[in-house]
Amino acid sequence: MTAPIIGTIAEKGAPILDVAGLRVAYRDKSVQRTVVHDIDFEVRAGEVVALVGESGSGKSSTAQALIGLLPEGGLLQQGTIRLNGQDIAGWPQKRLDGIRGSIISLVPQDPGNSLNPVRTIGEQVAEILTVHGRAFGAAARVQAIELLERVGLSQPQLRARQYPHELSGGMRQRVLIAIAMALKPSLIIADEPTSALDVTVQRHILDLIDDLRREYGTAVLLVTHDLGVAADRSDRLIVLQHGRIQEQGRTADILANPQSNYTRRLLADAPSLNARPKASPAHPVASVAPADDIVVVDRLVQDFDAGGSGSFRAVDDVSFRVRRGSTHAIVGESGSGKTTTIRIVSAFQKPTSGRVLIDGLDLSSLRGETLRLLRKKIQLVYQNPYGSLDPRQTITGIVEEPLLNFERLSRRERLAKVAATLDKVRLPADILQRRPHALSGGQRQRVAIARALVLDPQILVLDEAVSALDVTVQAQILALLDELQRELGLTYLFVSHDLAVVRQIADTVSVLNAGQLVETGRVEDVFSNPSSPYTRELIDAVPGKKFPRATEPSLISAG
C-alpha cells in the first residue's frame, strides 16, 4: 500500500484515520468479553487527538486494535478502521507489517521493554529503514545517526553504539520516537509516551513530538490518563469509560463545559488542572505545639562506593525540619536523592555523616531493641500497591503481620485491631479473607496504608504512594490521607515527582537536585516565588497550565 500525499488529504478534508463502530473483545476459554463498544472518531492531518480515561476504560485496547497489535486473546469483533481512506480492519499481520512504521507508527509506553537489550541503538533505528527498503548498510547507519540527532540526543554517534541499558529513560523514549518518525508516517499513536518520565523530561518529549508533528504534518493519537497533558497538547479530546465514549469534541470546549458526569469528575480530580493548595484544618490537632519538630534532618551526607572510580555522593549536605502533624514533601527528578534520604530517615541505612532526629531521638545513637521499637513510630507506604502486597496472604494476614512482629497480643486482640484499622481506611470487613488480586488498585493502596497504621505510628513515609493510581482513585486516597492526618495527628513525609499533587497535600517542601537541597520552605511560598532556577523549571513543566480550572464544590461532587 502506498501512502497518499498528506497535504492532498488535508486539502480534500478527508481524515487520516476514520474509525467507525469499533468493537474489541478478549477471549477467555470459550467466553468473549467485550471491552470496547462501538466507538467512532476521526483524526485529521497535523491534529492531536487525545484518548483519555482511567485504567480499564479501553484506551490501550483501542490503540492496539488500530495498529493490529492486540495481545493474545484480543479480538477485533467488528468495525472499520480507515487509514488514508483504506479500511485496514481485519488485514493479516503480514499485510499490516507493510504499513507499520511507514504509514502508522506506535510510540509505546515503556521504553525499557520496547527496545532489544542485546542490540545497539543504531542497529535498532537502522532496522526500520532496512525493513521498509529505504536504506541499507552504511547508508542506513548514517541515517540512523541523523535521526538520533534530530530527536535531540546528545552525541548521537556515541548513542548509536550504546545499548538500551546505557541510556536514561528519557533518552530511550527519544530513540522510540526516532524509530516512529523515521519514515515520516501519516499517523503516530503515542500510548502513554511519558507516564514513566520525570516532569521536565516529559515536557521535552512532548515538545519533540509537537515539533516533529508540525514539521511533517503527522497526525497524533495521544493515549493518556494525564488530563493535564491532554489539556495542554491536544486539539480534540475523546473521553472513554468502560469502553464507551462519554463525549468528544474540541479540547477547549470540553474543559470549559464538560457534558458528562464522568468527564466532570475526571477534571475535578486532576491535580494539574486544579491548582488548589492544601486547606488549613478547621480543627487543628491539639497536641501540636509551636516549633514542635518531630523530624530533624541535619547536614545529611550519603556516599556510595563506585568501584574503581572512587565514591558517588547521592545526598550532599541536606537539612530540613518537619513539624508534628504536618506534611513535608520531598520532590525532585530521578537521581535527585529522594529515595536515599527517606531510607536514612526511616533508619534503613546509616548516613556517611550528618544526623537524623525522630521525636528527639538521634538515630545514630540507637541500637538493637531500641532501634527496632523506633520503627513502630515511622512506617512506609510504597508506590505500587500491585507489588507491595504479598499475593499469597489474605488481607487479614497482610495487615496483621506487623502486629506479630512488634506486639504481644492474643489472636482475638490482633483480629480486632486489624478490623478497626481497616475501618479507619474505609474498607469493609468482608474483604478480610480476600487476597490482593481480588481488590482494585485503590483498595490495595488502602490495605497498604492500613498495614502501616496498625502499629499506631506517628510518622508515615509515603514513597510515590499515589503515582501508580488513576486520577479519581488518586483523589480518593489523598482525601483519605487528609482525613487520617486530621483524626490521628499523623505526620507525613511525602515523596513525589508530581508537583501538582504536592501543592494539594503538603504544608512544606524540600526540592532536591543531584543530591543537593536547592530550596525548602512553605509550599505556597516555594510555588509562588521559587528562588532556584531548577525549582522554576520543575514548576513550569507541570502540565495543565494552558487550561487552569476553578474548582467548585458542585464540580467535585458531580457524578
Protein backbone atom coordinates (compact mmCIF):
# COMPACT_ATOMS: atom_id res chain seq x y z
CA MET A 1 0.00 0.00 0.00
CA THR A 2 1.37 3.41 -0.95
CA ALA A 3 0.67 6.37 1.32
CA PRO A 4 -1.13 9.23 -0.44
CA ILE A 5 0.39 12.68 -0.03
CA ILE A 6 -0.56 14.03 3.38
CA GLY A 7 -1.09 17.56 2.13
CA THR A 8 -3.53 16.39 -0.53
CA ILE A 9 -5.61 14.59 2.09
CA ALA A 10 -5.76 17.70 4.26
CA GLU A 11 -6.85 19.82 1.29
CA LYS A 12 -9.63 17.40 0.46
CA GLY A 13 -10.74 17.46 4.10
CA ALA A 14 -10.55 13.66 4.48
CA PRO A 15 -9.35 12.34 7.83
CA ILE A 16 -6.14 10.33 8.02
CA LEU A 17 -7.85 7.96 10.47
CA ASP A 18 -11.59 7.28 10.45
CA VAL A 19 -12.83 4.73 12.99
CA ALA A 20 -16.46 3.59 12.92
CA GLY A 21 -18.30 1.03 15.05
CA LEU A 22 -15.10 -0.36 16.60
CA ARG A 23 -15.70 -3.23 18.97
CA VAL A 24 -12.88 -5.12 20.73
CA ALA A 25 -13.15 -8.23 22.90
CA TYR A 26 -10.89 -10.63 24.76
CA ARG A 27 -11.39 -14.38 24.59
CA ASP A 28 -11.07 -16.31 27.85
CA LYS A 29 -11.54 -20.03 27.15
CA SER A 30 -14.92 -20.14 25.43
CA VAL A 31 -16.14 -16.74 26.68
CA GLN A 32 -15.70 -13.41 24.88
CA ARG A 33 -15.65 -10.24 26.98
CA THR A 34 -16.21 -7.01 25.06
CA VAL A 35 -14.01 -4.15 26.32
CA VAL A 36 -14.53 -1.53 23.56
CA HIS A 37 -18.11 -0.87 22.49
CA ASP A 38 -18.95 0.57 19.05
CA ILE A 39 -16.79 3.70 19.16
CA ASP A 40 -16.42 6.25 16.36
CA PHE A 41 -13.84 9.02 15.92
CA GLU A 42 -11.57 10.73 13.39
CA VAL A 43 -8.03 12.10 13.36
CA ARG A 44 -7.02 14.65 10.71
CA ALA A 45 -3.63 15.66 9.30
CA GLY A 46 -1.46 17.63 11.73
CA GLU A 47 -4.03 17.20 14.50
CA VAL A 48 -3.50 15.86 18.04
CA VAL A 49 -6.46 13.88 19.38
CA ALA A 50 -6.19 12.71 23.00
CA LEU A 51 -7.84 9.49 24.10
CA VAL A 52 -8.32 9.80 27.88
CA GLY A 53 -9.79 7.66 30.65
CA GLU A 54 -8.89 5.54 33.64
CA SER A 55 -7.46 2.02 33.71
CA GLY A 56 -9.95 -0.35 32.13
CA SER A 57 -11.52 2.39 30.01
CA GLY A 58 -10.40 0.74 26.77
CA LYS A 59 -7.75 3.30 25.74
CA SER A 60 -4.89 0.89 25.10
CA SER A 61 -7.14 -1.79 23.60
CA THR A 62 -8.40 0.79 21.11
CA ALA A 63 -4.87 1.89 20.22
CA GLN A 64 -3.63 -1.69 19.86
CA ALA A 65 -6.60 -2.64 17.67
CA LEU A 66 -5.89 0.26 15.29
CA ILE A 67 -2.39 -0.97 14.56
CA GLY A 68 -3.19 -4.70 14.72
CA LEU A 69 -1.21 -5.36 17.89
CA LEU A 70 -3.83 -6.68 20.30
CA PRO A 71 -2.33 -9.06 22.91
CA GLU A 72 -3.04 -12.78 22.94
CA GLY A 73 -6.78 -13.39 23.23
CA GLY A 74 -7.61 -9.96 21.81
CA LEU A 75 -10.16 -9.88 19.01
CA LEU A 76 -11.39 -7.13 16.70
CA GLN A 77 -15.06 -8.08 16.69
CA GLN A 78 -16.35 -5.51 14.24
CA GLY A 79 -15.93 -2.01 12.86
CA THR A 80 -13.95 -0.18 10.19
CA ILE A 81 -10.51 1.41 10.53
CA ARG A 82 -9.92 3.63 7.52
CA LEU A 83 -6.31 4.77 7.22
CA ASN A 84 -5.84 7.29 4.41
CA GLY A 85 -9.22 6.17 3.10
CA GLN A 86 -8.49 2.42 3.07
CA ASP A 87 -10.11 0.03 5.54
CA ILE A 88 -7.35 -1.95 7.27
CA ALA A 89 -9.61 -3.73 9.79
CA GLY A 90 -9.06 -7.45 9.55
CA TRP A 91 -5.88 -7.23 7.49
CA PRO A 92 -3.48 -10.17 8.11
CA GLN A 93 -0.33 -9.42 10.08
CA LYS A 94 1.94 -9.72 7.06
CA ARG A 95 0.00 -7.01 5.23
CA LEU A 96 -0.07 -4.79 8.34
CA ASP A 97 3.71 -5.16 8.61
CA GLY A 98 3.95 -3.27 5.34
CA ILE A 99 2.30 -0.14 6.76
CA ARG A 100 3.56 -0.21 10.37
CA GLY A 101 6.29 2.39 10.57
CA SER A 102 5.73 3.76 7.07
CA ILE A 103 2.13 4.98 7.39
CA ILE A 104 1.14 4.32 11.01
CA SER A 105 3.64 4.17 13.88
CA LEU A 106 3.46 3.44 17.59
CA VAL A 107 5.39 5.11 20.42
CA PRO A 108 4.86 2.61 23.27
CA GLN A 109 4.61 3.35 26.97
CA ASP A 110 7.60 1.52 28.39
CA PRO A 111 10.91 2.17 26.60
CA GLY A 112 12.62 -0.31 28.91
CA ASN A 113 10.65 -3.22 27.47
CA SER A 114 10.28 -1.92 23.90
CA LEU A 115 13.94 -1.90 22.86
CA ASN A 116 16.02 -5.03 22.26
CA PRO A 117 18.57 -5.20 25.13
CA VAL A 118 21.19 -7.08 23.08
CA ARG A 119 21.25 -4.83 20.01
CA THR A 120 22.79 -1.38 19.78
CA ILE A 121 20.62 1.71 19.49
CA GLY A 122 21.95 2.42 15.99
CA GLU A 123 21.08 -1.08 14.79
CA GLN A 124 17.52 -0.77 16.05
CA VAL A 125 16.92 2.61 14.42
CA ALA A 126 18.51 1.48 11.15
CA GLU A 127 16.37 -1.68 11.12
CA ILE A 128 13.13 0.13 10.27
CA LEU A 129 14.81 1.81 7.29
CA THR A 130 16.12 -1.55 6.07
CA VAL A 131 12.89 -3.49 6.63
CA HIS A 132 10.95 -0.99 4.51
CA GLY A 133 13.64 -0.81 1.85
CA ARG A 134 14.50 2.86 2.42
CA ALA A 135 18.22 2.40 3.16
CA PHE A 136 20.74 -0.39 3.66
CA GLY A 137 24.15 -0.97 5.25
CA ALA A 138 26.27 2.13 5.77
CA ALA A 139 23.56 4.44 4.39
CA ALA A 140 21.07 3.13 6.95
CA ARG A 141 23.60 3.62 9.76
CA VAL A 142 24.24 7.22 8.70
CA GLN A 143 20.51 7.96 8.55
CA ALA A 144 20.05 6.36 11.99
CA ILE A 145 22.61 8.75 13.47
CA GLU A 146 20.88 11.69 11.75
CA LEU A 147 17.56 10.58 13.26
CA LEU A 148 19.07 10.33 16.74
CA GLU A 149 20.42 13.85 16.34
CA ARG A 150 17.03 15.02 15.05
CA VAL A 151 15.27 13.85 18.22
CA GLY A 152 17.75 15.78 20.37
CA LEU A 153 20.07 13.07 21.65
CA SER A 154 23.48 14.40 22.63
CA GLN A 155 26.47 12.71 20.99
CA PRO A 156 24.34 10.72 18.52
CA GLN A 157 27.32 8.77 17.16
CA LEU A 158 28.11 7.54 20.67
CA ARG A 159 24.44 6.75 21.39
CA ALA A 160 24.23 4.70 18.20
CA ARG A 161 26.98 2.40 19.56
CA GLN A 162 25.41 2.06 23.01
CA TYR A 163 22.85 -0.45 24.30
CA PRO A 164 19.46 0.48 25.83
CA HIS A 165 20.61 -0.09 29.43
CA GLU A 166 23.27 2.59 28.98
CA LEU A 167 20.65 5.29 28.28
CA SER A 168 18.27 7.06 30.67
CA GLY A 169 14.50 6.60 30.39
CA GLY A 170 14.11 9.91 28.60
CA MET A 171 16.87 9.04 26.14
CA ARG A 172 15.31 5.65 25.40
CA GLN A 173 11.96 7.32 24.76
CA ARG A 174 13.65 9.64 22.25
CA VAL A 175 15.02 6.57 20.48
CA LEU A 176 11.50 5.15 20.18
CA ILE A 177 10.31 8.46 18.74
CA ALA A 178 13.19 8.39 16.22
CA ILE A 179 12.07 4.91 15.13
CA ALA A 180 8.42 6.02 14.94
CA MET A 181 9.24 9.12 12.86
CA ALA A 182 11.93 7.55 10.66
CA LEU A 183 9.64 7.03 7.66
CA LYS A 184 7.51 10.17 8.20
CA PRO A 185 4.25 8.27 8.78
CA SER A 186 0.79 9.76 8.34
CA LEU A 187 -0.24 8.86 11.90
CA ILE A 188 1.58 8.28 15.18
CA ILE A 189 -0.14 6.54 18.08
CA ALA A 190 1.59 7.67 21.29
CA ASP A 191 0.46 5.26 24.02
CA GLU A 192 1.22 6.89 27.41
CA PRO A 193 4.59 8.03 25.98
CA THR A 194 5.67 9.97 29.09
CA SER A 195 3.93 8.25 32.02
CA ALA A 196 7.18 6.83 33.45
CA LEU A 197 9.23 10.02 33.00
CA ASP A 198 10.07 12.95 35.26
CA VAL A 199 8.08 16.11 34.65
CA THR A 200 10.85 18.05 32.89
CA VAL A 201 11.77 15.07 30.69
CA GLN A 202 8.06 14.64 29.95
CA ARG A 203 7.83 18.21 28.72
CA HIS A 204 10.88 17.79 26.47
CA ILE A 205 9.48 14.58 24.94
CA LEU A 206 6.06 16.14 24.30
CA ASP A 207 7.73 19.22 22.79
CA LEU A 208 9.69 16.92 20.50
CA ILE A 209 6.55 15.11 19.30
CA ASP A 210 4.93 18.50 18.73
CA ASP A 211 7.90 19.81 16.70
CA LEU A 212 8.01 16.72 14.50
CA ARG A 213 4.24 16.82 14.01
CA ARG A 214 4.41 20.42 12.80
CA GLU A 215 7.38 19.73 10.55
CA TYR A 216 5.97 16.62 8.86
CA GLY A 217 2.22 17.25 9.14
CA THR A 218 1.83 13.96 11.00
CA ALA A 219 -1.38 13.31 12.92
CA VAL A 220 -1.06 12.15 16.54
CA LEU A 221 -3.41 9.98 18.59
CA LEU A 222 -2.25 10.62 22.17
CA VAL A 223 -3.36 7.92 24.62
CA THR A 224 -3.05 9.21 28.18
CA HIS A 225 -4.55 9.12 31.67
CA ASP A 226 -2.99 12.54 32.43
CA LEU A 227 -5.63 15.19 31.79
CA GLY A 228 -3.07 17.96 32.26
CA VAL A 229 -1.05 16.59 29.35
CA ALA A 230 -4.19 16.13 27.25
CA ALA A 231 -5.35 19.67 28.06
CA ASP A 232 -2.04 21.24 27.01
CA ARG A 233 -1.23 19.12 23.99
CA SER A 234 -4.42 18.11 22.18
CA ASP A 235 -6.77 19.79 19.72
CA ARG A 236 -9.61 17.41 20.50
CA LEU A 237 -10.49 15.09 23.40
CA ILE A 238 -12.18 11.69 23.40
CA VAL A 239 -13.25 10.59 26.90
CA LEU A 240 -13.62 6.82 27.42
CA GLN A 241 -15.24 4.97 30.31
CA HIS A 242 -15.76 1.19 30.36
CA GLY A 243 -15.01 1.05 26.64
CA ARG A 244 -17.63 3.61 25.66
CA ILE A 245 -17.16 7.20 24.52
CA GLN A 246 -18.68 9.55 27.09
CA GLU A 247 -18.03 12.64 24.99
CA GLN A 248 -15.70 14.02 22.37
CA GLY A 249 -15.01 17.42 20.89
CA ARG A 250 -12.62 20.36 20.93
CA THR A 251 -10.39 20.22 24.00
CA ALA A 252 -11.12 23.82 24.98
CA ASP A 253 -14.89 23.22 24.74
CA ILE A 254 -14.86 20.06 26.88
CA LEU A 255 -12.66 21.62 29.54
CA ALA A 256 -14.84 24.71 29.68
CA ASN A 257 -18.17 22.88 29.61
CA PRO A 258 -17.96 19.09 30.16
CA GLN A 259 -21.25 17.37 29.34
CA SER A 260 -20.93 14.00 31.09
CA ASN A 261 -20.76 13.42 34.83
CA TYR A 262 -17.75 11.17 34.30
CA THR A 263 -15.78 13.88 32.49
CA ARG A 264 -16.67 16.40 35.18
CA ARG A 265 -15.39 14.02 37.83
CA LEU A 266 -12.14 13.35 35.95
CA LEU A 267 -11.49 17.07 35.53
CA ALA A 268 -12.32 17.84 39.16
CA ASP A 269 -9.96 15.09 40.37
CA ALA A 270 -6.97 16.09 38.18
CA PRO A 271 -4.47 17.94 40.44
CA SER A 272 -2.72 19.60 37.48
CA LEU A 273 -5.99 21.22 36.36
CA ASN A 274 -6.98 22.34 39.84
CA ALA A 275 -4.24 24.36 41.49
CA ARG A 276 -5.80 24.29 44.93
CA PRO A 277 -3.36 24.47 47.87
CA LYS A 278 -3.81 22.30 50.93
CA ALA A 279 -6.57 23.64 53.12
CA SER A 280 -5.84 24.56 56.71
CA PRO A 281 -7.58 22.20 59.16
CA ALA A 282 -10.81 23.53 60.62
CA HIS A 283 -9.88 21.90 63.94
CA PRO A 284 -6.06 21.68 64.28
CA VAL A 285 -4.70 18.75 66.25
CA ALA A 286 -4.49 19.93 69.86
CA SER A 287 -1.19 18.16 70.57
CA VAL A 288 0.75 20.22 68.02
CA ALA A 289 2.79 22.84 69.85
CA PRO A 290 4.67 25.73 68.22
CA ALA A 291 8.07 24.69 66.82
CA ASP A 292 7.34 21.02 67.64
CA ASP A 293 9.64 19.36 65.10
CA ILE A 294 9.15 15.59 65.04
CA VAL A 295 11.70 15.07 62.23
CA VAL A 296 15.01 16.96 62.09
CA VAL A 297 17.42 16.20 59.24
CA ASP A 298 20.75 17.95 59.78
CA ARG A 299 23.52 18.19 57.16
CA LEU A 300 22.92 14.71 55.80
CA VAL A 301 25.59 13.20 53.51
CA GLN A 302 25.49 9.79 51.86
CA ASP A 303 28.36 8.41 49.76
CA PHE A 304 28.30 5.10 47.88
CA ASP A 305 31.24 3.08 46.64
CA ALA A 306 31.55 3.45 42.85
CA GLY A 307 34.15 0.73 42.38
CA GLY A 308 37.41 1.74 40.76
CA SER A 309 36.20 5.29 40.15
CA GLY A 310 36.02 6.11 43.86
CA SER A 311 32.75 7.12 45.52
CA PHE A 312 29.46 8.66 44.43
CA ARG A 313 27.70 11.28 46.61
CA ALA A 314 23.95 10.60 46.46
CA VAL A 315 22.97 13.07 49.23
CA ASP A 316 25.06 16.20 49.75
CA ASP A 317 24.53 18.32 52.89
CA VAL A 318 20.71 18.09 53.08
CA SER A 319 18.84 19.66 56.03
CA PHE A 320 15.13 20.18 56.76
CA ARG A 321 12.61 20.03 59.63
CA VAL A 322 9.08 18.62 59.78
CA ARG A 323 6.51 19.85 62.30
CA ARG A 324 4.39 17.30 64.12
CA GLY A 325 1.03 16.76 62.42
CA SER A 326 2.12 18.37 59.12
CA THR A 327 3.01 17.06 55.65
CA HIS A 328 6.50 17.67 54.28
CA ALA A 329 7.11 16.85 50.62
CA ILE A 330 10.45 15.83 49.13
CA VAL A 331 10.48 16.45 45.39
CA GLY A 332 12.98 16.08 42.58
CA GLU A 333 13.70 14.07 39.48
CA SER A 334 15.15 10.56 39.25
CA GLY A 335 18.62 10.55 40.79
CA SER A 336 17.94 13.59 42.96
CA GLY A 337 18.49 11.70 46.23
CA LYS A 338 14.85 11.41 47.37
CA THR A 339 14.85 7.66 47.98
CA THR A 340 18.25 7.65 49.71
CA THR A 341 17.10 10.45 52.03
CA ILE A 342 13.94 8.67 53.14
CA ARG A 343 15.80 5.38 53.63
CA ILE A 344 18.10 7.18 56.07
CA VAL A 345 15.18 8.94 57.82
CA SER A 346 13.40 5.55 58.12
CA ALA A 347 16.54 4.02 59.71
CA PHE A 348 17.09 1.53 56.87
CA GLN A 349 20.63 2.79 56.24
CA LYS A 350 23.19 4.88 58.09
CA PRO A 351 24.46 8.13 56.53
CA THR A 352 28.10 8.86 55.83
CA SER A 353 27.72 11.97 58.00
CA GLY A 354 25.04 14.21 59.46
CA ARG A 355 22.24 13.23 61.78
CA VAL A 356 18.51 12.49 61.89
CA LEU A 357 16.35 13.12 64.97
CA ILE A 358 12.99 11.36 65.24
CA ASP A 359 10.88 12.79 68.05
CA GLY A 360 14.10 13.97 69.73
CA LEU A 361 15.97 10.65 69.37
CA ASP A 362 19.22 10.68 67.38
CA LEU A 363 19.08 7.65 65.06
CA SER A 364 22.86 7.24 65.18
CA SER A 365 22.68 6.56 68.93
CA LEU A 366 20.06 3.79 68.69
CA ARG A 367 20.96 0.11 68.77
CA GLY A 368 19.22 -3.25 68.97
CA GLU A 369 15.80 -3.31 70.58
CA THR A 370 15.64 0.49 70.90
CA LEU A 371 16.17 0.88 67.15
CA ARG A 372 13.65 -1.88 66.41
CA LEU A 373 10.99 -0.18 68.54
CA LEU A 374 11.66 3.16 66.86
CA ARG A 375 10.43 1.58 63.64
CA LYS A 376 6.97 1.40 65.18
CA LYS A 377 6.95 5.19 65.15
CA ILE A 378 7.77 5.53 61.45
CA GLN A 379 6.15 3.34 58.78
CA LEU A 380 6.38 3.29 54.96
CA VAL A 381 3.72 3.14 52.26
CA TYR A 382 5.22 2.21 48.91
CA GLN A 383 4.46 3.31 45.36
CA ASN A 384 2.95 0.26 43.77
CA PRO A 385 0.01 -1.42 45.54
CA TYR A 386 0.22 -4.25 42.99
CA GLY A 387 3.77 -5.16 44.01
CA SER A 388 3.95 -4.25 47.71
CA LEU A 389 1.32 -6.74 48.96
CA ASP A 390 2.06 -10.48 49.19
CA PRO A 391 -0.36 -12.16 46.73
CA ARG A 392 -0.36 -15.36 48.81
CA GLN A 393 -1.66 -13.72 52.00
CA THR A 394 -5.20 -12.75 52.88
CA ILE A 395 -5.90 -9.12 53.73
CA THR A 396 -6.12 -10.15 57.39
CA GLY A 397 -2.64 -11.71 57.18
CA ILE A 398 -1.15 -8.68 55.45
CA VAL A 399 -2.44 -6.13 57.97
CA GLU A 400 -1.83 -8.46 60.96
CA GLU A 401 1.81 -9.19 60.15
CA PRO A 402 3.35 -6.05 61.76
CA LEU A 403 1.47 -6.89 64.99
CA LEU A 404 3.09 -10.34 65.04
CA ASN A 405 6.50 -8.66 64.76
CA PHE A 406 6.01 -5.90 67.32
CA GLU A 407 3.08 -6.57 69.66
CA ARG A 408 2.33 -9.32 72.20
CA LEU A 409 -1.37 -9.64 71.59
CA SER A 410 -3.78 -12.57 71.62
CA ARG A 411 -5.24 -13.65 68.27
CA ARG A 412 -8.59 -12.14 69.27
CA GLU A 413 -6.90 -8.81 70.07
CA ARG A 414 -4.95 -8.85 66.80
CA LEU A 415 -8.05 -9.52 64.70
CA ALA A 416 -9.93 -6.75 66.49
CA LYS A 417 -7.05 -4.35 65.80
CA VAL A 418 -6.97 -5.38 62.11
CA ALA A 419 -10.73 -4.85 61.74
CA ALA A 420 -10.55 -1.46 63.47
CA THR A 421 -7.66 -0.34 61.26
CA LEU A 422 -9.42 -1.41 58.06
CA ASP A 423 -12.40 0.62 59.24
CA LYS A 424 -10.11 3.66 59.61
CA VAL A 425 -9.14 3.42 55.94
CA ARG A 426 -12.80 2.98 54.93
CA LEU A 427 -12.58 -0.66 53.85
CA PRO A 428 -15.47 -3.10 54.51
CA ALA A 429 -15.00 -6.09 56.79
CA ASP A 430 -15.98 -8.52 54.02
CA ILE A 431 -12.56 -8.15 52.35
CA LEU A 432 -10.70 -9.66 55.32
CA GLN A 433 -10.42 -13.14 53.78
CA ARG A 434 -9.80 -11.98 50.23
CA ARG A 435 -6.40 -11.85 48.58
CA PRO A 436 -4.91 -8.77 46.85
CA HIS A 437 -5.77 -9.92 43.31
CA ALA A 438 -9.48 -9.63 44.18
CA LEU A 439 -9.14 -5.93 45.06
CA SER A 440 -8.96 -2.80 42.93
CA GLY A 441 -5.83 -0.62 42.87
CA GLY A 442 -7.39 1.89 45.25
CA GLN A 443 -8.47 -0.84 47.68
CA ARG A 444 -4.97 -2.33 47.61
CA GLN A 445 -3.41 1.02 48.48
CA ARG A 446 -5.88 1.39 51.37
CA VAL A 447 -4.71 -2.03 52.60
CA ALA A 448 -1.09 -0.84 52.34
CA ILE A 449 -1.99 2.24 54.40
CA ALA A 450 -3.81 0.05 56.94
CA ARG A 451 -0.74 -2.17 57.27
CA ALA A 452 1.33 0.94 58.04
CA LEU A 453 -1.24 2.30 60.52
CA VAL A 454 -1.87 -0.89 62.51
CA LEU A 455 1.12 -0.17 64.81
CA ASP A 456 -0.19 3.33 65.61
CA PRO A 457 2.86 5.13 64.17
CA GLN A 458 3.45 8.85 64.47
CA ILE A 459 5.03 9.25 61.03
CA LEU A 460 4.12 7.81 57.62
CA VAL A 461 6.66 7.94 54.80
CA LEU A 462 4.66 7.93 51.56
CA ASP A 463 7.03 6.99 48.72
CA GLU A 464 5.23 7.99 45.48
CA ALA A 465 2.20 6.44 47.17
CA VAL A 466 -0.38 7.73 44.67
CA SER A 467 1.64 7.89 41.44
CA ALA A 468 0.53 4.43 40.23
CA LEU A 469 -3.17 5.23 40.65
CA ASP A 470 -5.76 6.63 38.25
CA VAL A 471 -6.67 10.25 38.81
CA THR A 472 -10.02 9.59 40.52
CA VAL A 473 -8.62 6.84 42.79
CA GLN A 474 -5.64 9.12 43.50
CA ALA A 475 -8.03 11.86 44.62
CA GLN A 476 -9.82 9.41 46.93
CA ILE A 477 -6.53 8.26 48.55
CA LEU A 478 -5.35 11.86 49.00
CA ALA A 479 -8.67 12.72 50.68
CA LEU A 480 -8.28 9.66 52.93
CA LEU A 481 -4.75 10.68 53.92
CA ASP A 482 -6.01 14.16 54.77
CA GLU A 483 -8.80 12.73 56.95
CA LEU A 484 -6.42 10.37 58.76
CA GLN A 485 -3.97 13.16 59.46
CA ARG A 486 -6.70 15.31 60.99
CA GLU A 487 -8.14 12.44 63.03
CA LEU A 488 -4.88 10.84 64.26
CA GLY A 489 -2.39 13.73 64.24
CA LEU A 490 -0.12 11.88 61.81
CA THR A 491 2.99 13.42 60.29
CA TYR A 492 3.67 12.66 56.61
CA LEU A 493 6.90 12.61 54.63
CA PHE A 494 5.51 12.67 51.09
CA VAL A 495 7.97 11.75 48.34
CA SER A 496 6.81 12.65 44.85
CA HIS A 497 7.78 13.91 41.41
CA ASP A 498 4.25 15.28 40.85
CA LEU A 499 4.27 18.93 41.93
CA ALA A 500 0.54 19.34 41.33
CA VAL A 501 -0.17 16.67 43.95
CA VAL A 502 2.45 18.16 46.28
CA ARG A 503 0.75 21.54 46.16
CA GLN A 504 -2.54 19.90 47.08
CA ILE A 505 -1.38 17.78 50.04
CA ALA A 506 1.80 19.30 51.52
CA ASP A 507 2.43 22.12 54.01
CA THR A 508 6.19 22.40 53.41
CA VAL A 509 8.52 21.14 50.70
CA SER A 510 12.20 20.41 50.06
CA VAL A 511 13.43 20.38 46.46
CA LEU A 512 16.41 18.12 45.69
CA ASN A 513 18.60 18.20 42.60
CA ALA A 514 21.57 15.87 42.10
CA GLY A 515 21.64 15.14 45.84
CA GLN A 516 21.65 18.78 46.93
CA LEU A 517 18.90 20.79 48.61
CA VAL A 518 18.14 23.68 46.25
CA GLU A 519 15.09 25.04 48.06
CA THR A 520 12.94 24.43 51.13
CA GLY A 521 10.03 26.23 52.75
CA ARG A 522 6.24 26.58 52.82
CA VAL A 523 4.62 25.11 49.73
CA GLU A 524 2.79 28.31 48.83
CA ASP A 525 5.99 30.37 49.14
CA VAL A 526 8.02 27.96 47.01
CA PHE A 527 5.33 27.66 44.32
CA SER A 528 4.50 31.35 44.12
CA ASN A 529 8.07 32.66 44.39
CA PRO A 530 10.69 29.96 43.72
CA SER A 531 14.22 31.15 44.35
CA SER A 532 16.02 28.37 42.46
CA PRO A 533 16.10 28.15 38.63
CA TYR A 534 15.72 24.37 38.98
CA THR A 535 12.54 24.75 41.05
CA ARG A 536 11.17 27.21 38.48
CA GLU A 537 11.89 24.69 35.74
CA LEU A 538 10.04 21.94 37.66
CA ILE A 539 7.01 24.18 38.26
CA ASP A 540 6.96 25.42 34.67
CA ALA A 541 6.97 21.82 33.42
CA VAL A 542 3.79 20.87 35.31
CA PRO A 543 1.14 20.21 32.62
CA GLY A 544 -2.33 21.72 32.62
CA LYS A 545 -1.43 25.42 32.78
CA LYS A 546 -2.94 26.04 29.37
CA PHE A 547 -6.43 25.49 30.78
CA PRO A 548 -6.48 26.36 34.51
CA ARG A 549 -9.80 25.49 36.08
CA ALA A 550 -11.56 26.91 39.11
CA THR A 551 -12.62 24.02 41.30
CA GLU A 552 -16.18 24.30 42.54
CA PRO A 553 -17.84 22.03 45.12
CA SER A 554 -20.59 21.20 42.65
CA LEU A 555 -18.00 20.04 40.14
CA ILE A 556 -16.20 17.82 42.61
CA SER A 557 -19.36 16.07 43.72
CA ALA A 558 -20.76 15.60 40.23
CA GLY A 559 -21.11 12.02 39.06
